[in-house]
Amino acid sequence: MPVAAAGTTTVYVAHDQVEVLMMGEWVAVMKVGVLQQVGMPKDVHSKSANVNVFVGEFIGSPAMNQFTVPLTDQGVCFGDAVVGLSCEMRDAFGQQARETVLGVRPEPGSVGGR
């Protein structure tokens, strides 16, 4: 029976990220006793780098690749491709920002919808 069905809250402490992502309904990632990110496993895995570079590197196997990339008005430059950003995301960087960190998980995908 799933823990939630039993009406019990249980806290597991583990260093095995795969186990944590499979067992937990909610996941909290800590570093040196400081909470870095909390959320549902799917969100912590897929949106980790949006919140925290450490979480992006730590969650997932193999680890997320991270690149410092130029930031332009159109988006981030990754090789010959420009990955577009929403206006809200671009505004969050601020007008003075010239670079950011782009996290890429080693999973099937494409750049620019190709």
Foldseek 3Di string as FASTA:
>chain_A
DQPVVVVDDDDDDDLPQVVCLVRDQKDWDDDPRHTQDIGGSVCLQPVVVVRPPVSQQRHDPPGWDKDKFFADPQATDDPPAHAGDDPVVSVVCPPPDTIDMDTHDPDDDDGPRD
